N, C-alpha and C. Protein backbone atom coordinates (compact mmCIF):
# COMPACT_ATOMS: atom_id res chain seq x y z
N MET A 1 12.89 99.63 48.83
CA MET A 1 12.23 99.02 49.93
C MET A 1 12.27 97.53 49.76
N ASP A 2 12.34 96.88 50.89
CA ASP A 2 12.39 95.42 50.90
C ASP A 2 11.91 94.97 52.26
N ASP A 3 11.19 93.87 52.29
CA ASP A 3 10.71 93.39 53.58
C ASP A 3 11.80 92.66 54.37
N ASP A 4 12.94 92.38 53.74
CA ASP A 4 14.07 91.76 54.42
C ASP A 4 15.00 92.86 54.94
N SER A 5 15.07 92.99 56.26
CA SER A 5 15.84 94.10 56.85
C SER A 5 17.32 94.02 56.51
N ASP A 6 17.88 92.83 56.36
CA ASP A 6 19.30 92.70 56.00
C ASP A 6 19.57 93.26 54.61
N ILE A 7 18.70 92.96 53.67
CA ILE A 7 18.87 93.48 52.30
C ILE A 7 18.72 95.00 52.30
N ARG A 8 17.72 95.52 53.01
CA ARG A 8 17.55 96.98 53.10
C ARG A 8 18.80 97.63 53.67
N THR A 9 19.35 97.04 54.72
CA THR A 9 20.53 97.62 55.38
C THR A 9 21.73 97.63 54.45
N VAL A 10 21.99 96.51 53.78
CA VAL A 10 23.15 96.43 52.88
C VAL A 10 23.01 97.43 51.74
N LEU A 11 21.83 97.49 51.12
CA LEU A 11 21.62 98.45 50.03
C LEU A 11 21.80 99.89 50.52
N ALA A 12 21.24 100.20 51.67
CA ALA A 12 21.35 101.56 52.21
C ALA A 12 22.79 101.92 52.51
N ILE A 13 23.53 101.02 53.12
CA ILE A 13 24.94 101.28 53.44
C ILE A 13 25.75 101.52 52.17
N GLU A 14 25.59 100.65 51.18
CA GLU A 14 26.38 100.78 49.96
C GLU A 14 26.01 102.03 49.16
N LEU A 15 24.73 102.33 49.04
CA LEU A 15 24.33 103.52 48.30
C LEU A 15 24.76 104.79 49.02
N THR A 16 24.68 104.80 50.32
CA THR A 16 25.15 105.95 51.11
C THR A 16 26.65 106.12 50.94
N ARG A 17 27.38 105.02 50.98
CA ARG A 17 28.84 105.05 50.80
C ARG A 17 29.20 105.64 49.43
N LEU A 18 28.35 105.41 48.44
CA LEU A 18 28.59 105.94 47.09
C LEU A 18 28.13 107.40 46.94
N GLY A 19 27.59 107.97 48.02
CA GLY A 19 27.23 109.38 48.00
C GLY A 19 25.76 109.70 47.80
N TYR A 20 24.91 108.70 47.78
CA TYR A 20 23.48 108.93 47.59
C TYR A 20 22.77 109.14 48.92
N ARG A 21 21.73 109.96 48.91
CA ARG A 21 20.84 110.07 50.08
C ARG A 21 19.83 108.95 49.97
N VAL A 22 19.64 108.22 51.04
CA VAL A 22 18.83 107.01 51.01
C VAL A 22 17.74 107.04 52.08
N SER A 23 16.54 106.62 51.70
CA SER A 23 15.45 106.36 52.63
C SER A 23 15.04 104.92 52.44
N THR A 24 14.64 104.25 53.51
CA THR A 24 14.22 102.86 53.39
C THR A 24 12.79 102.68 53.89
N ALA A 25 12.18 101.61 53.42
CA ALA A 25 10.83 101.25 53.84
C ALA A 25 10.73 99.73 53.89
N ALA A 26 9.98 99.23 54.85
CA ALA A 26 9.87 97.78 55.04
C ALA A 26 8.82 97.14 54.14
N ASP A 27 7.93 97.94 53.58
CA ASP A 27 6.90 97.38 52.71
C ASP A 27 6.36 98.47 51.79
N GLY A 28 5.50 98.06 50.88
CA GLY A 28 4.96 99.00 49.90
C GLY A 28 4.13 100.12 50.51
N ARG A 29 3.43 99.84 51.58
CA ARG A 29 2.62 100.87 52.23
C ARG A 29 3.51 101.97 52.82
N GLU A 30 4.59 101.56 53.51
CA GLU A 30 5.55 102.55 54.05
C GLU A 30 6.18 103.35 52.92
N ALA A 31 6.51 102.66 51.84
CA ALA A 31 7.14 103.32 50.70
C ALA A 31 6.21 104.36 50.09
N SER A 32 4.94 104.02 49.92
CA SER A 32 3.97 104.97 49.36
C SER A 32 3.90 106.24 50.20
N ALA A 33 3.88 106.08 51.51
CA ALA A 33 3.83 107.24 52.40
C ALA A 33 5.09 108.09 52.27
N ALA A 34 6.26 107.45 52.21
CA ALA A 34 7.52 108.19 52.07
C ALA A 34 7.58 108.93 50.73
N ILE A 35 7.14 108.28 49.68
CA ILE A 35 7.18 108.89 48.35
C ILE A 35 6.21 110.06 48.25
N ALA A 36 5.08 109.96 48.94
CA ALA A 36 4.11 111.06 48.94
C ALA A 36 4.65 112.26 49.70
N ALA A 37 5.53 112.02 50.66
CA ALA A 37 6.05 113.10 51.51
C ALA A 37 7.30 113.76 50.95
N ALA A 38 7.99 113.13 50.03
CA ALA A 38 9.25 113.68 49.52
C ALA A 38 9.43 113.31 48.05
N LYS A 39 10.35 114.01 47.39
CA LYS A 39 10.64 113.71 45.98
C LYS A 39 11.80 112.73 45.90
N PHE A 40 11.64 111.70 45.10
CA PHE A 40 12.68 110.70 44.88
C PHE A 40 12.99 110.60 43.40
N ASP A 41 14.26 110.40 43.08
CA ASP A 41 14.67 110.21 41.69
C ASP A 41 14.62 108.74 41.30
N LEU A 42 14.78 107.86 42.31
CA LEU A 42 14.86 106.43 42.06
C LEU A 42 14.19 105.67 43.19
N VAL A 43 13.48 104.61 42.82
CA VAL A 43 12.90 103.69 43.81
C VAL A 43 13.42 102.30 43.48
N ILE A 44 13.99 101.65 44.47
CA ILE A 44 14.40 100.25 44.35
C ILE A 44 13.41 99.46 45.18
N THR A 45 12.71 98.53 44.55
CA THR A 45 11.66 97.81 45.26
C THR A 45 11.74 96.30 45.06
N ASP A 46 11.48 95.61 46.14
CA ASP A 46 11.25 94.17 46.08
C ASP A 46 9.85 93.99 45.51
N LEU A 47 9.61 92.90 44.82
CA LEU A 47 8.30 92.69 44.24
C LEU A 47 7.35 91.95 45.18
N LEU A 48 7.90 91.12 46.04
CA LEU A 48 7.07 90.33 46.95
C LEU A 48 7.24 90.85 48.36
N MET A 49 6.25 91.63 48.83
CA MET A 49 6.31 92.23 50.16
C MET A 49 4.94 92.15 50.80
N PRO A 50 4.90 92.22 52.14
CA PRO A 50 3.60 92.29 52.81
C PRO A 50 2.97 93.68 52.66
N GLU A 51 1.74 93.79 53.01
CA GLU A 51 0.97 95.04 53.01
C GLU A 51 0.66 95.53 51.59
N LYS A 52 1.66 95.86 50.81
CA LYS A 52 1.47 96.28 49.43
C LYS A 52 2.66 95.74 48.64
N GLU A 53 2.38 94.92 47.65
CA GLU A 53 3.47 94.32 46.87
C GLU A 53 4.11 95.33 45.93
N GLY A 54 5.30 94.99 45.48
CA GLY A 54 6.05 95.87 44.60
C GLY A 54 5.35 96.18 43.30
N LEU A 55 4.67 95.18 42.72
CA LEU A 55 3.95 95.44 41.46
C LEU A 55 2.86 96.48 41.65
N GLU A 56 2.17 96.40 42.77
CA GLU A 56 1.14 97.39 43.08
C GLU A 56 1.77 98.78 43.25
N LEU A 57 2.91 98.83 43.91
CA LEU A 57 3.62 100.09 44.11
C LEU A 57 4.08 100.67 42.77
N ILE A 58 4.61 99.82 41.90
CA ILE A 58 5.08 100.27 40.58
C ILE A 58 3.92 100.87 39.78
N LYS A 59 2.78 100.20 39.78
CA LYS A 59 1.61 100.74 39.06
C LYS A 59 1.21 102.10 39.62
N GLU A 60 1.22 102.21 40.94
CA GLU A 60 0.89 103.48 41.60
C GLU A 60 1.88 104.57 41.20
N LEU A 61 3.17 104.25 41.21
CA LEU A 61 4.20 105.23 40.84
C LEU A 61 4.03 105.68 39.40
N ARG A 62 3.73 104.77 38.51
CA ARG A 62 3.56 105.12 37.09
C ARG A 62 2.35 106.01 36.88
N ARG A 63 1.30 105.82 37.66
CA ARG A 63 0.13 106.70 37.53
C ARG A 63 0.48 108.12 37.96
N GLU A 64 1.34 108.25 38.96
CA GLU A 64 1.66 109.55 39.53
C GLU A 64 2.85 110.23 38.86
N SER A 65 3.83 109.44 38.40
CA SER A 65 5.04 110.04 37.83
C SER A 65 5.68 109.10 36.82
N VAL A 66 5.71 109.56 35.60
CA VAL A 66 6.35 108.77 34.55
C VAL A 66 7.86 108.87 34.64
N SER A 67 8.37 109.94 35.22
CA SER A 67 9.81 110.19 35.21
C SER A 67 10.60 109.47 36.30
N ILE A 68 9.95 109.03 37.37
CA ILE A 68 10.70 108.38 38.44
C ILE A 68 11.27 107.05 37.93
N ARG A 69 12.52 106.82 38.24
CA ARG A 69 13.17 105.58 37.81
C ARG A 69 12.93 104.50 38.85
N ILE A 70 12.76 103.28 38.36
CA ILE A 70 12.41 102.17 39.24
C ILE A 70 13.32 100.99 38.94
N ILE A 71 13.87 100.41 39.99
CA ILE A 71 14.59 99.14 39.89
C ILE A 71 13.77 98.13 40.69
N ALA A 72 13.32 97.08 40.02
CA ALA A 72 12.55 96.03 40.68
C ALA A 72 13.44 94.81 40.85
N MET A 73 13.31 94.18 42.02
CA MET A 73 14.10 92.99 42.29
C MET A 73 13.23 91.99 43.04
N SER A 74 13.65 90.73 43.00
CA SER A 74 12.89 89.72 43.72
C SER A 74 13.76 88.51 44.00
N GLY A 75 13.66 88.02 45.23
CA GLY A 75 14.31 86.77 45.59
C GLY A 75 13.42 85.59 45.23
N GLY A 76 12.20 85.85 44.81
CA GLY A 76 11.29 84.82 44.36
C GLY A 76 10.38 84.29 45.44
N GLY A 77 10.93 83.89 46.54
CA GLY A 77 10.09 83.32 47.59
C GLY A 77 9.68 81.90 47.30
N ARG A 78 9.22 81.21 48.29
CA ARG A 78 8.85 79.80 48.14
C ARG A 78 7.58 79.61 47.33
N ASN A 79 6.67 80.53 47.45
CA ASN A 79 5.37 80.36 46.79
C ASN A 79 5.23 81.22 45.53
N ALA A 80 6.34 81.68 45.02
CA ALA A 80 6.28 82.56 43.85
C ALA A 80 5.79 81.79 42.63
N SER A 81 4.81 82.35 41.97
CA SER A 81 4.35 81.76 40.72
C SER A 81 4.41 82.85 39.67
N GLY A 82 4.85 82.48 38.51
CA GLY A 82 4.96 83.46 37.44
C GLY A 82 6.27 84.21 37.51
N ASN A 83 6.54 84.97 36.49
CA ASN A 83 7.77 85.73 36.41
C ASN A 83 7.49 87.18 36.79
N TYR A 84 7.61 87.49 38.06
CA TYR A 84 7.29 88.83 38.56
C TYR A 84 8.17 89.91 37.94
N LEU A 85 9.44 89.60 37.70
CA LEU A 85 10.32 90.61 37.13
C LEU A 85 9.89 90.97 35.71
N GLU A 86 9.43 89.98 34.95
CA GLU A 86 8.95 90.25 33.59
C GLU A 86 7.69 91.13 33.64
N ILE A 87 6.80 90.84 34.57
CA ILE A 87 5.59 91.65 34.73
C ILE A 87 5.96 93.07 35.13
N ALA A 88 6.90 93.22 36.06
CA ALA A 88 7.34 94.54 36.50
C ALA A 88 7.91 95.34 35.33
N HIS A 89 8.64 94.67 34.46
CA HIS A 89 9.22 95.35 33.30
C HIS A 89 8.12 95.93 32.40
N ARG A 90 6.99 95.25 32.31
CA ARG A 90 5.88 95.77 31.50
C ARG A 90 5.33 97.07 32.08
N PHE A 91 5.31 97.17 33.42
CA PHE A 91 4.81 98.38 34.07
C PHE A 91 5.83 99.51 34.02
N ALA A 92 7.10 99.17 34.11
CA ALA A 92 8.16 100.18 34.17
C ALA A 92 9.31 99.76 33.25
N PRO A 93 9.14 99.88 31.93
CA PRO A 93 10.19 99.45 31.01
C PRO A 93 11.47 100.26 31.21
N MET A 94 12.58 99.61 30.91
CA MET A 94 13.88 100.28 31.08
C MET A 94 14.02 101.41 30.07
N ARG A 95 14.54 102.53 30.56
CA ARG A 95 14.83 103.68 29.71
C ARG A 95 16.24 104.15 30.03
N PHE A 96 16.98 104.48 29.04
CA PHE A 96 18.35 104.98 29.25
C PHE A 96 18.50 106.38 28.71
């Protein structure tokens, strides 16, 4: 999910082209509803979004499912303070 519709579209097109089933959401609140309604193996989330930010979504996902894989990304934004990607990594450390 990403609040930028162009980024959502490009990611959805490319992942679909690679054979994945893709659902998109414009913000964390939409994503939470979609995740509650269906099973997902992977969530790709922007960290800075309206309604519910990615960090909040990641914490929610970790409370509900340790096994879901998460990719966090961020363009930073003009008012970004702190290293959001580093914080996200603390909530959802990489596992291989």
